[in-house]
Amino acid sequence: MADSTNPKHKEGPVTKAIEQQTAKLPSDIFLWAALGSMGVSLYLQATGDRKRSLFVGQWAAPFLLLGVYNKLVKLEGSD
């Protein structure tokens, strides 16, 4: 397992800046964004707009992954 104190494993300045900004966001924003995209996808599917429904429905997974990343940054912090 990698040691986070090892200088070889330090994050760059861009990553640190992104982590500092995303840590300010509440984690539930990402959950609500995922649920919202699923709801919009369901609506589009019901109205017959299948292509847009599939496109918007695929946003849920990235929103949830961003939420996990956000939670990890809050728990572990950045370098």
Protein backbone atom coordinates (compact mmCIF):
# COMPACT_ATOMS: atom_id res chain seq x y z
CA MET A 1 0.00 0.00 0.00
CA ALA A 2 1.32 3.45 -0.91
CA ASP A 3 2.37 5.78 1.87
CA SER A 4 0.69 9.19 1.49
CA THR A 5 3.65 10.87 3.22
CA ASN A 6 6.04 9.69 0.50
CA PRO A 7 7.16 12.74 -1.54
CA LYS A 8 6.84 10.70 -4.73
CA HIS A 9 3.08 10.51 -4.15
CA LYS A 10 2.33 14.23 -3.72
CA GLU A 11 -0.49 15.82 -5.69
CA GLY A 12 0.12 18.65 -8.12
CA PRO A 13 -1.08 22.23 -7.62
CA VAL A 14 -4.08 21.82 -9.94
CA THR A 15 -5.29 18.73 -8.08
CA LYS A 16 -4.86 20.47 -4.73
CA ALA A 17 -6.87 23.46 -5.94
CA ILE A 18 -9.67 21.23 -7.27
CA GLU A 19 -9.77 19.23 -4.02
CA GLN A 20 -9.92 22.40 -1.91
CA GLN A 21 -12.86 23.71 -3.94
CA THR A 22 -14.80 20.44 -4.13
CA ALA A 23 -14.40 19.88 -0.38
CA LYS A 24 -16.51 23.01 0.12
CA LEU A 25 -19.51 21.38 -1.59
CA PRO A 26 -21.97 19.37 0.49
CA SER A 27 -21.82 15.70 -0.47
CA ASP A 28 -25.57 15.41 -0.91
CA ILE A 29 -25.47 17.75 -3.93
CA PHE A 30 -24.06 14.88 -5.97
CA LEU A 31 -26.73 12.47 -4.74
CA TRP A 32 -29.49 14.92 -5.65
CA ALA A 33 -27.89 15.58 -9.04
CA ALA A 34 -27.85 11.82 -9.74
CA LEU A 35 -31.46 11.42 -8.65
CA GLY A 36 -32.43 14.47 -10.71
CA SER A 37 -30.79 13.10 -13.82
CA MET A 38 -32.65 9.82 -13.33
CA GLY A 39 -35.91 11.71 -12.94
CA VAL A 40 -35.32 13.78 -16.06
CA SER A 41 -34.36 10.63 -17.92
CA LEU A 42 -37.59 8.96 -16.82
CA TYR A 43 -39.60 11.98 -17.95
CA LEU A 44 -37.86 12.03 -21.34
CA GLN A 45 -38.44 8.30 -21.74
CA ALA A 46 -42.14 8.74 -20.93
CA THR A 47 -42.48 11.54 -23.49
CA GLY A 48 -40.86 9.41 -26.19
CA ASP A 49 -37.50 11.18 -26.43
CA ARG A 50 -35.44 8.00 -26.09
CA LYS A 51 -32.06 9.34 -27.26
CA ARG A 52 -32.05 12.25 -24.82
CA SER A 53 -33.37 9.99 -22.08
CA LEU A 54 -30.40 7.64 -22.48
CA PHE A 55 -27.97 10.56 -22.63
CA VAL A 56 -29.27 12.20 -19.45
CA GLY A 57 -29.67 8.86 -17.67
CA GLN A 58 -25.96 8.19 -18.08
CA TRP A 59 -25.14 11.24 -15.95
CA ALA A 60 -26.18 9.47 -12.73
CA ALA A 61 -23.05 7.31 -12.43
CA PRO A 62 -20.56 10.19 -12.88
CA PHE A 63 -22.47 12.29 -10.34
CA LEU A 64 -22.28 9.45 -7.82
CA LEU A 65 -18.57 8.95 -8.51
CA LEU A 66 -17.97 12.66 -7.98
CA GLY A 67 -19.83 12.34 -4.68
CA VAL A 68 -17.56 9.50 -3.58
CA TYR A 69 -14.50 11.55 -4.60
CA ASN A 70 -15.87 14.53 -2.69
CA LYS A 71 -16.39 12.40 0.43
CA LEU A 72 -12.87 10.95 0.20
CA VAL A 73 -11.35 14.42 -0.09
CA LYS A 74 -13.29 15.51 2.99
CA LEU A 75 -12.28 12.45 5.01
CA GLU A 76 -8.66 12.08 3.88
CA GLY A 77 -7.89 15.64 2.84
CA SER A 78 -5.37 16.55 0.21
CA ASP A 79 -1.61 16.40 0.52
